[in-house]
Amino acid sequence: MRVGSDVPGRITRIPGGVALNIAMTLRRFDLTPILLSAVGRDGEGDELVARCNAMGMEIDHLYRSEDLPTDVYMAVEGANGLIAAIADAHSLEAAGDKILKPLRDGTFGDVEAPCPDIIALDGNLTEALLAEIAGSPLFTAADLRVAPASPGKAERLLPLLSCRNATFYVNKEEAGLLCHRHFDDSIMAAKAIADRGAARVLVTDGGNTAAEARDGKVIIATPPPVMVTRVTGAGDTFMAGHIAAETRGALGQAALEAALQAAAEYVSGDVPT
């Protein structure tokens, strides 16, 4: 497809968004994610919550707003990859820190005993809220896993670079935006983000070599070659695959390779939506 193209195709409507893409992959690996987000009390929201419940996710702690509609993401993909995408996350942004209530009211933690679990943090949150999270005692004991929602929102993550308990998952383009420079490969990108203060960062580059930088060391792995049938959600699947691999005890190279395998299966279409 090119700009201005008007072509036949298929329009599908499926559960998605960064956090939910991560959660759906975690379910593939028999983990039970707890969802913290904002969902409207409209028909779309009821349907989405029912789908999440049917997939085995914990939905009891979602913020269900009476006056905010359920957010939506639209992507247009062609044989030449992602053509365009629009993320309408205005309800999530308006809900703000209401979605974090279970992390401060004692349900999963509070200021005195912050949550010690893995928290996958989605860059769709506002820049102000992400900055607040970076300095909040509620997140100091957590294993933070951070992903930008898109290249256009990558710079929102800058306040989190100083968090020593955070792992960043970005693609090469997002790494360039975080560092305000161009990178020829994922290795250069991972080293540069680590130099900017990140304790740990994983950088992907489509079908090219991926890299992880941590403690002054870099490990690399190459994705298995597959026929690409979709791209939206690939990075989220990679992140969740890595979390799942480490939860099962995989370390370093093994965890990176497992994450790349999970992403490859997803983009090839072997994983149903």
C-alpha atoms as a PDB file:
ATOM      1  CA  MET A   1       0.000   0.000   0.000  1.00  0.00           C
ATOM      2  CA  ARG A   2       1.008   3.582  -0.649  1.00  0.00           C
ATOM      3  CA  VAL A   3      -0.397   6.926   0.488  1.00  0.00           C
ATOM      4  CA  GLY A   4      -3.833   7.322  -1.075  1.00  0.00           C
ATOM      5  CA  SER A   5      -4.310   3.619  -1.831  1.00  0.00           C
ATOM      6  CA  ASP A   6      -7.882   2.318  -1.865  1.00  0.00           C
ATOM      7  CA  VAL A   7      -7.703  -1.481  -1.842  1.00  0.00           C
ATOM      8  CA  PRO A   8      -9.808  -4.505  -0.899  1.00  0.00           C
ATOM      9  CA  GLY A   9      -8.994  -6.202   2.365  1.00  0.00           C
ATOM     10  CA  ARG A  10     -10.325  -7.548   5.632  1.00  0.00           C
ATOM     11  CA  ILE A  11     -11.360  -5.551   8.689  1.00  0.00           C
ATOM     12  CA  THR A  12     -11.164  -7.412  11.993  1.00  0.00           C
ATOM     13  CA  ARG A  13     -11.998  -6.274  15.517  1.00  0.00           C
ATOM     14  CA  ILE A  14     -10.051  -8.008  18.275  1.00  0.00           C
ATOM     15  CA  PRO A  15      -8.967  -7.354  21.881  1.00  0.00           C
ATOM     16  CA  GLY A  16      -5.667  -5.499  21.943  1.00  0.00           C
ATOM     17  CA  GLY A  17      -3.562  -2.597  23.085  1.00  0.00           C
ATOM     18  CA  VAL A  18      -0.080  -2.837  24.561  1.00  0.00           C
ATOM     19  CA  ALA A  19      -1.027  -4.063  28.036  1.00  0.00           C
ATOM     20  CA  LEU A  20      -3.597  -6.541  26.753  1.00  0.00           C
ATOM     21  CA  ASN A  21      -1.268  -7.873  24.050  1.00  0.00           C
ATOM     22  CA  ILE A  22       1.241  -8.573  26.817  1.00  0.00           C
ATOM     23  CA  ALA A  23      -1.436 -10.180  28.982  1.00  0.00           C
ATOM     24  CA  MET A  24      -2.709 -12.419  26.169  1.00  0.00           C
ATOM     25  CA  THR A  25       0.811 -13.721  25.535  1.00  0.00           C
ATOM     26  CA  LEU A  26       1.321 -14.376  29.240  1.00  0.00           C
ATOM     27  CA  ARG A  27      -1.826 -16.496  29.166  1.00  0.00           C
ATOM     28  CA  ARG A  28      -0.311 -18.532  26.306  1.00  0.00           C
ATOM     29  CA  PHE A  29       2.424 -19.455  28.766  1.00  0.00           C
ATOM     30  CA  ASP A  30      -0.084 -20.363  31.520  1.00  0.00           C
ATOM     31  CA  LEU A  31       0.519 -17.233  33.597  1.00  0.00           C
ATOM     32  CA  THR A  32      -2.411 -15.293  35.070  1.00  0.00           C
ATOM     33  CA  PRO A  33      -2.029 -11.533  34.556  1.00  0.00           C
ATOM     34  CA  ILE A  34      -3.947  -9.040  36.679  1.00  0.00           C
ATOM     35  CA  LEU A  35      -5.238  -6.171  34.558  1.00  0.00           C
ATOM     36  CA  LEU A  36      -5.018  -2.577  35.779  1.00  0.00           C
ATOM     37  CA  SER A  37      -6.480  -0.176  33.251  1.00  0.00           C
ATOM     38  CA  ALA A  38      -9.481   2.001  32.403  1.00  0.00           C
ATOM     39  CA  VAL A  39     -12.447   0.466  30.569  1.00  0.00           C
ATOM     40  CA  GLY A  40     -15.756   2.193  29.920  1.00  0.00           C
ATOM     41  CA  ARG A  41     -19.123   0.855  31.029  1.00  0.00           C
ATOM     42  CA  ASP A  42     -20.306   0.893  27.439  1.00  0.00           C
ATOM     43  CA  GLY A  43     -21.122  -2.041  25.181  1.00  0.00           C
ATOM     44  CA  GLU A  44     -17.567  -2.208  23.855  1.00  0.00           C
ATOM     45  CA  GLY A  45     -16.178  -2.203  27.398  1.00  0.00           C
ATOM     46  CA  ASP A  46     -18.520  -4.942  28.574  1.00  0.00           C
ATOM     47  CA  GLU A  47     -17.569  -7.075  25.580  1.00  0.00           C
ATOM     48  CA  LEU A  48     -13.855  -6.489  26.126  1.00  0.00           C
ATOM     49  CA  VAL A  49     -14.030  -7.349  29.834  1.00  0.00           C
ATOM     50  CA  ALA A  50     -16.009 -10.494  29.056  1.00  0.00           C
ATOM     51  CA  ARG A  51     -13.373 -11.557  26.499  1.00  0.00           C
ATOM     52  CA  CYS A  52     -10.581 -10.967  29.030  1.00  0.00           C
ATOM     53  CA  ASN A  53     -12.430 -12.967  31.661  1.00  0.00           C
ATOM     54  CA  ALA A  54     -12.952 -15.812  29.206  1.00  0.00           C
ATOM     55  CA  MET A  55      -9.209 -15.849  28.497  1.00  0.00           C
ATOM     56  CA  GLY A  56      -8.493 -16.366  32.195  1.00  0.00           C
ATOM     57  CA  MET A  57      -7.230 -12.910  33.143  1.00  0.00           C
ATOM     58  CA  GLU A  58      -8.028 -11.280  36.471  1.00  0.00           C
ATOM     59  CA  ILE A  59     -10.367  -8.370  35.717  1.00  0.00           C
ATOM     60  CA  ASP A  60     -11.683  -7.456  39.180  1.00  0.00           C
ATOM     61  CA  HIS A  61      -9.355  -4.471  39.573  1.00  0.00           C
ATOM     62  CA  LEU A  62     -10.074  -2.630  36.335  1.00  0.00           C
ATOM     63  CA  TYR A  63     -11.274   0.953  36.682  1.00  0.00           C
ATOM     64  CA  ARG A  64     -14.719   0.964  35.027  1.00  0.00           C
ATOM     65  CA  SER A  65     -15.742   4.525  34.258  1.00  0.00           C
ATOM     66  CA  GLU A  66     -19.384   5.589  33.904  1.00  0.00           C
ATOM     67  CA  ASP A  67     -18.616   8.567  31.677  1.00  0.00           C
ATOM     68  CA  LEU A  68     -15.444   7.620  29.761  1.00  0.00           C
ATOM     69  CA  PRO A  69     -15.776   5.492  26.609  1.00  0.00           C
ATOM     70  CA  THR A  70     -13.635   2.411  26.030  1.00  0.00           C
ATOM     71  CA  ASP A  71     -10.441   3.305  24.179  1.00  0.00           C
ATOM     72  CA  VAL A  72      -9.673   1.920  20.721  1.00  0.00           C
ATOM     73  CA  TYR A  73      -6.622   1.354  18.527  1.00  0.00           C
ATOM     74  CA  MET A  74      -6.783   1.096  14.750  1.00  0.00           C
ATOM     75  CA  ALA A  75      -3.971  -0.242  12.587  1.00  0.00           C
ATOM     76  CA  VAL A  76      -3.791  -0.503   8.793  1.00  0.00           C
ATOM     77  CA  GLU A  77      -1.389  -3.173   7.580  1.00  0.00           C
ATOM     78  CA  GLY A  78      -0.382  -4.107   4.049  1.00  0.00           C
ATOM     79  CA  ALA A  79       1.937  -6.666   2.525  1.00  0.00           C
ATOM     80  CA  ASN A  80       4.676  -4.068   3.033  1.00  0.00           C
ATOM     81  CA  GLY A  81       4.072  -3.847   6.788  1.00  0.00           C
ATOM     82  CA  LEU A  82       2.347  -1.312   9.018  1.00  0.00           C
ATOM     83  CA  ILE A  83       0.987   1.569   6.930  1.00  0.00           C
ATOM     84  CA  ALA A  84      -0.577   3.696   9.673  1.00  0.00           C
ATOM     85  CA  ALA A  85      -2.040   3.420  13.145  1.00  0.00           C
ATOM     86  CA  ILE A  86      -4.081   5.619  15.454  1.00  0.00           C
ATOM     87  CA  ALA A  87      -4.308   5.088  19.216  1.00  0.00           C
ATOM     88  CA  ASP A  88      -7.257   6.761  20.934  1.00  0.00           C
ATOM     89  CA  ALA A  89      -6.206   6.368  24.566  1.00  0.00           C
ATOM     90  CA  HIS A  90      -7.932   9.478  25.869  1.00  0.00           C
ATOM     91  CA  SER A  91      -9.973   7.614  28.483  1.00  0.00           C
ATOM     92  CA  LEU A  92      -6.860   5.966  29.923  1.00  0.00           C
ATOM     93  CA  GLU A  93      -5.177   9.358  30.065  1.00  0.00           C
ATOM     94  CA  ALA A  94      -8.231  10.945  31.716  1.00  0.00           C
ATOM     95  CA  ALA A  95      -8.478   8.156  34.308  1.00  0.00           C
ATOM     96  CA  GLY A  96      -4.893   8.909  35.381  1.00  0.00           C
ATOM     97  CA  ASP A  97      -3.776   7.400  38.672  1.00  0.00           C
ATOM     98  CA  LYS A  98      -7.222   5.935  39.421  1.00  0.00           C
ATOM     99  CA  ILE A  99      -6.016   2.767  37.695  1.00  0.00           C
ATOM    100  CA  LEU A 100      -3.214   2.461  40.276  1.00  0.00           C
ATOM    101  CA  LYS A 101      -5.526   2.309  43.316  1.00  0.00           C
ATOM    102  CA  PRO A 102      -4.941  -1.440  43.961  1.00  0.00           C
ATOM    103  CA  LEU A 103      -1.204  -0.719  44.253  1.00  0.00           C
ATOM    104  CA  ARG A 104      -1.694   1.771  47.077  1.00  0.00           C
ATOM    105  CA  ASP A 105      -4.783   0.653  49.021  1.00  0.00           C
ATOM    106  CA  GLY A 106      -3.262  -2.596  50.294  1.00  0.00           C
ATOM    107  CA  THR A 107      -4.784  -4.867  47.660  1.00  0.00           C
ATOM    108  CA  PHE A 108      -1.394  -5.548  46.078  1.00  0.00           C
ATOM    109  CA  GLY A 109       0.714  -3.129  48.103  1.00  0.00           C
ATOM    110  CA  ASP A 110       0.950   0.286  49.696  1.00  0.00           C
ATOM    111  CA  VAL A 111       3.575   2.836  50.637  1.00  0.00           C
ATOM    112  CA  GLU A 112       4.685   0.791  53.660  1.00  0.00           C
ATOM    113  CA  ALA A 113       4.828  -2.513  51.756  1.00  0.00           C
ATOM    114  CA  PRO A 114       5.050  -1.809  48.011  1.00  0.00           C
ATOM    115  CA  CYS A 115       4.096  -4.444  45.457  1.00  0.00           C
ATOM    116  CA  PRO A 116       7.016  -6.899  44.934  1.00  0.00           C
ATOM    117  CA  ASP A 117       5.695  -8.480  41.733  1.00  0.00           C
ATOM    118  CA  ILE A 118       6.447  -8.062  38.037  1.00  0.00           C
ATOM    119  CA  ILE A 119       4.636  -4.990  36.707  1.00  0.00           C
ATOM    120  CA  ALA A 120       4.404  -4.490  32.942  1.00  0.00           C
ATOM    121  CA  LEU A 121       4.179  -0.755  32.425  1.00  0.00           C
ATOM    122  CA  ASP A 122       2.573   0.620  29.268  1.00  0.00           C
ATOM    123  CA  GLY A 123       3.770   3.875  27.678  1.00  0.00           C
ATOM    124  CA  ASN A 124       0.187   4.860  26.858  1.00  0.00           C
ATOM    125  CA  LEU A 125       0.042   6.475  30.297  1.00  0.00           C
ATOM    126  CA  THR A 126       0.560  10.225  30.350  1.00  0.00           C
ATOM    127  CA  GLU A 127       4.031  11.695  30.661  1.00  0.00           C
ATOM    128  CA  ALA A 128       3.052  13.214  34.025  1.00  0.00           C
ATOM    129  CA  LEU A 129       1.842   9.883  35.416  1.00  0.00           C
ATOM    130  CA  LEU A 130       4.921   8.029  34.186  1.00  0.00           C
ATOM    131  CA  ALA A 131       7.110  10.658  35.863  1.00  0.00           C
ATOM    132  CA  GLU A 132       5.092  10.212  39.061  1.00  0.00           C
ATOM    133  CA  ILE A 133       5.546   6.438  38.891  1.00  0.00           C
ATOM    134  CA  ALA A 134       9.302   6.876  38.432  1.00  0.00           C
ATOM    135  CA  GLY A 135       9.535   8.655  41.789  1.00  0.00           C
ATOM    136  CA  SER A 136       6.805   6.804  43.660  1.00  0.00           C
ATOM    137  CA  PRO A 137       7.595   4.523  46.623  1.00  0.00           C
ATOM    138  CA  LEU A 138       4.741   2.278  45.438  1.00  0.00           C
ATOM    139  CA  PHE A 139       6.990   0.901  42.682  1.00  0.00           C
ATOM    140  CA  THR A 140      10.359   0.609  44.417  1.00  0.00           C
ATOM    141  CA  ALA A 141      10.030  -3.112  45.214  1.00  0.00           C
ATOM    142  CA  ALA A 142       8.546  -4.152  41.872  1.00  0.00           C
ATOM    143  CA  ASP A 143      10.249  -5.769  38.914  1.00  0.00           C
ATOM    144  CA  LEU A 144       9.257  -3.099  36.388  1.00  0.00           C
ATOM    145  CA  ARG A 145       9.038  -4.089  32.724  1.00  0.00           C
ATOM    146  CA  VAL A 146       8.573  -1.001  30.565  1.00  0.00           C
ATOM    147  CA  ALA A 147       7.430  -0.695  26.953  1.00  0.00           C
ATOM    148  CA  PRO A 148       6.609   2.374  24.879  1.00  0.00           C
ATOM    149  CA  ALA A 149       3.195   2.214  23.283  1.00  0.00           C
ATOM    150  CA  SER A 150       4.641   3.430  19.982  1.00  0.00           C
ATOM    151  CA  PRO A 151       7.608   5.392  18.636  1.00  0.00           C
ATOM    152  CA  GLY A 152       5.493   8.526  18.998  1.00  0.00           C
ATOM    153  CA  LYS A 153       5.313   7.999  22.767  1.00  0.00           C
ATOM    154  CA  ALA A 154       8.823   6.674  23.393  1.00  0.00           C
ATOM    155  CA  GLU A 155      10.098   9.877  24.980  1.00  0.00           C
ATOM    156  CA  ARG A 156       7.447   9.599  27.688  1.00  0.00           C
ATOM    157  CA  LEU A 157       9.642   6.910  29.231  1.00  0.00           C
ATOM    158  CA  LEU A 158      12.644   9.173  29.872  1.00  0.00           C
ATOM    159  CA  PRO A 159      11.850   9.747  33.596  1.00  0.00           C
ATOM    160  CA  LEU A 160      11.983   5.963  34.150  1.00  0.00           C
ATOM    161  CA  LEU A 161      15.544   5.564  32.877  1.00  0.00           C
ATOM    162  CA  SER A 162      16.881   6.241  36.359  1.00  0.00           C
ATOM    163  CA  CYS A 163      14.847   3.409  37.943  1.00  0.00           C
ATOM    164  CA  ARG A 164      17.315   0.654  38.817  1.00  0.00           C
ATOM    165  CA  ASN A 165      14.518  -1.933  39.002  1.00  0.00           C
ATOM    166  CA  ALA A 166      13.260  -1.255  35.442  1.00  0.00           C
ATOM    167  CA  THR A 167      13.816  -3.279  32.279  1.00  0.00           C
ATOM    168  CA  PHE A 168      13.097  -1.502  28.985  1.00  0.00           C
ATOM    169  CA  TYR A 169      11.805  -3.202  25.856  1.00  0.00           C
ATOM    170  CA  VAL A 170      12.123  -1.018  22.752  1.00  0.00           C
ATOM    171  CA  ASN A 171      12.675  -1.389  19.045  1.00  0.00           C
ATOM    172  CA  LYS A 172      15.540   0.297  17.225  1.00  0.00           C
ATOM    173  CA  GLU A 173      13.423   3.269  16.147  1.00  0.00           C
ATOM    174  CA  GLU A 174      12.179   3.869  19.688  1.00  0.00           C
ATOM    175  CA  ALA A 175      15.755   3.615  20.973  1.00  0.00           C
ATOM    176  CA  GLY A 176      16.766   6.318  18.517  1.00  0.00           C
ATOM    177  CA  LEU A 177      14.017   8.609  19.784  1.00  0.00           C
ATOM    178  CA  LEU A 178      15.025   8.028  23.400  1.00  0.00           C
ATOM    179  CA  CYS A 179      18.647   8.887  22.586  1.00  0.00           C
ATOM    180  CA  HIS A 180      17.978  11.514  19.880  1.00  0.00           C
ATOM    181  CA  ARG A 181      20.215   9.770  17.358  1.00  0.00           C
ATOM    182  CA  HIS A 182      20.168   7.114  14.657  1.00  0.00           C
ATOM    183  CA  PHE A 183      21.423   3.578  15.261  1.00  0.00           C
ATOM    184  CA  ASP A 184      22.638   1.141  12.635  1.00  0.00           C
ATOM    185  CA  ASP A 185      21.793  -1.893  14.745  1.00  0.00           C
ATOM    186  CA  SER A 186      20.277  -3.050  18.011  1.00  0.00           C
ATOM    187  CA  ILE A 187      23.667  -3.523  19.672  1.00  0.00           C
ATOM    188  CA  MET A 188      24.585   0.143  19.334  1.00  0.00           C
ATOM    189  CA  ALA A 189      21.099   1.109  20.484  1.00  0.00           C
ATOM    190  CA  ALA A 190      21.172  -1.091  23.598  1.00  0.00           C
ATOM    191  CA  LYS A 191      24.581   0.220  24.627  1.00  0.00           C
ATOM    192  CA  ALA A 192      23.474   3.824  24.159  1.00  0.00           C
ATOM    193  CA  ILE A 193      20.349   3.459  26.298  1.00  0.00           C
ATOM    194  CA  ALA A 194      22.390   1.742  28.999  1.00  0.00           C
ATOM    195  CA  ASP A 195      24.819   4.655  28.843  1.00  0.00           C
ATOM    196  CA  ARG A 196      21.873   6.987  29.414  1.00  0.00           C
ATOM    197  CA  GLY A 197      21.213   5.266  32.729  1.00  0.00           C
ATOM    198  CA  ALA A 198      18.989   2.270  32.027  1.00  0.00           C
ATOM    199  CA  ALA A 199      19.834  -0.672  34.272  1.00  0.00           C
ATOM    200  CA  ARG A 200      18.669  -3.128  31.633  1.00  0.00           C
ATOM    201  CA  VAL A 201      17.380  -2.760  28.100  1.00  0.00           C
ATOM    202  CA  LEU A 202      16.359  -5.091  25.289  1.00  0.00           C
ATOM    203  CA  VAL A 203      16.281  -3.756  21.723  1.00  0.00           C
ATOM    204  CA  THR A 204      14.663  -5.495  18.755  1.00  0.00           C
ATOM    205  CA  ASP A 205      15.093  -4.739  15.067  1.00  0.00           C
ATOM    206  CA  GLY A 206      12.452  -6.707  13.172  1.00  0.00           C
ATOM    207  CA  GLY A 207      14.040  -9.806  11.671  1.00  0.00           C
ATOM    208  CA  ASN A 208      17.551  -8.578  12.446  1.00  0.00           C
ATOM    209  CA  THR A 209      19.688  -9.208  15.523  1.00  0.00           C
ATOM    210  CA  ALA A 210      18.205  -8.268  18.906  1.00  0.00           C
ATOM    211  CA  ALA A 211      20.371  -7.202  21.845  1.00  0.00           C
ATOM    212  CA  GLU A 212      20.206  -6.974  25.629  1.00  0.00           C
ATOM    213  CA  ALA A 213      22.473  -4.638  27.609  1.00  0.00           C
ATOM    214  CA  ARG A 214      22.918  -5.127  31.358  1.00  0.00           C
ATOM    215  CA  ASP A 215      25.746  -4.542  33.840  1.00  0.00           C
ATOM    216  CA  GLY A 216      28.094  -3.414  31.089  1.00  0.00           C
ATOM    217  CA  LYS A 217      27.566  -6.601  29.059  1.00  0.00           C
ATOM    218  CA  VAL A 218      25.645  -7.161  25.820  1.00  0.00           C
ATOM    219  CA  ILE A 219      24.118 -10.413  24.610  1.00  0.00           C
ATOM    220  CA  ILE A 220      22.609 -10.885  21.169  1.00  0.00           C
ATOM    221  CA  ALA A 221      20.334 -13.307  19.335  1.00  0.00           C
ATOM    222  CA  THR A 222      18.829 -13.526  15.865  1.00  0.00           C
ATOM    223  CA  PRO A 223      15.084 -14.125  15.352  1.00  0.00           C
ATOM    224  CA  PRO A 224      14.119 -17.316  13.519  1.00  0.00           C
ATOM    225  CA  PRO A 225      13.201 -16.606   9.880  1.00  0.00           C
ATOM    226  CA  VAL A 226       9.430 -16.679   9.278  1.00  0.00           C
ATOM    227  CA  MET A 227       6.898 -15.435   6.747  1.00  0.00           C
ATOM    228  CA  VAL A 228       5.512 -12.223   8.259  1.00  0.00           C
ATOM    229  CA  THR A 229       1.713 -11.997   8.152  1.00  0.00           C
ATOM    230  CA  ARG A 230       1.199  -9.240  10.766  1.00  0.00           C
ATOM    231  CA  VAL A 231       3.304  -6.820  12.749  1.00  0.00           C
ATOM    232  CA  THR A 232       1.009  -5.009  15.186  1.00  0.00           C
ATOM    233  CA  GLY A 233       1.670  -6.405  18.672  1.00  0.00           C
ATOM    234  CA  ALA A 234       4.974  -8.098  17.829  1.00  0.00           C
ATOM    235  CA  GLY A 235       6.966  -6.038  20.326  1.00  0.00           C
ATOM    236  CA  ASP A 236       4.406  -6.633  23.068  1.00  0.00           C
ATOM    237  CA  THR A 237       4.564 -10.371  22.368  1.00  0.00           C
ATOM    238  CA  PHE A 238       8.366 -10.284  22.535  1.00  0.00           C
ATOM    239  CA  MET A 239       8.221  -8.546  25.918  1.00  0.00           C
ATOM    240  CA  ALA A 240       5.699 -10.998  27.336  1.00  0.00           C
ATOM    241  CA  GLY A 241       7.630 -13.954  25.953  1.00  0.00           C
ATOM    242  CA  HIS A 242      10.735 -12.717  27.726  1.00  0.00           C
ATOM    243  CA  ILE A 243       8.879 -12.248  31.006  1.00  0.00           C
ATOM    244  CA  ALA A 244       7.392 -15.735  30.719  1.00  0.00           C
ATOM    245  CA  ALA A 245      10.779 -17.278  29.933  1.00  0.00           C
ATOM    246  CA  GLU A 246      12.404 -15.672  32.973  1.00  0.00           C
ATOM    247  CA  THR A 247       9.461 -16.678  35.153  1.00  0.00           C
ATOM    248  CA  ARG A 248      10.193 -20.280  34.122  1.00  0.00           C
ATOM    249  CA  GLY A 249      13.838 -19.847  35.106  1.00  0.00           C
ATOM    250  CA  ALA A 250      15.491 -19.029  31.775  1.00  0.00           C
ATOM    251  CA  LEU A 251      18.349 -16.540  31.945  1.00  0.00           C
ATOM    252  CA  GLY A 252      20.248 -14.288  29.556  1.00  0.00           C
ATOM    253  CA  GLN A 253      20.666 -15.832  26.121  1.00  0.00           C
ATOM    254  CA  ALA A 254      18.013 -18.481  26.660  1.00  0.00           C
ATOM    255  CA  ALA A 255      15.382 -15.943  27.718  1.00  0.00           C
ATOM    256  CA  LEU A 256      16.209 -13.656  24.784  1.00  0.00           C
ATOM    257  CA  GLU A 257      15.928 -16.514  22.300  1.00  0.00           C
ATOM    258  CA  ALA A 258      12.631 -17.666  23.836  1.00  0.00           C
ATOM    259  CA  ALA A 259      11.225 -14.145  23.488  1.00  0.00           C
ATOM    260  CA  LEU A 260      12.264 -13.954  19.837  1.00  0.00           C
ATOM    261  CA  GLN A 261      10.668 -17.341  19.191  1.00  0.00           C
ATOM    262  CA  ALA A 262       7.392 -16.180  20.749  1.00  0.00           C
ATOM    263  CA  ALA A 263       7.397 -13.038  18.603  1.00  0.00           C
ATOM    264  CA  ALA A 264       8.242 -15.025  15.454  1.00  0.00           C
ATOM    265  CA  GLU A 265       5.334 -17.402  16.016  1.00  0.00           C
ATOM    266  CA  TYR A 266       3.047 -14.422  16.488  1.00  0.00           C
ATOM    267  CA  VAL A 267       4.045 -12.466  13.369  1.00  0.00           C
ATOM    268  CA  SER A 268       3.896 -15.648  11.273  1.00  0.00           C
ATOM    269  CA  GLY A 269       0.236 -16.066  12.195  1.00  0.00           C
ATOM    270  CA  ASP A 270       0.793 -19.353  14.013  1.00  0.00           C
ATOM    271  CA  VAL A 271      -0.780 -17.820  17.136  1.00  0.00           C
ATOM    272  CA  PRO A 272      -4.544 -17.175  16.773  1.00  0.00           C
ATOM    273  CA  THR A 273      -5.940 -13.744  17.662  1.00  0.00           C
END
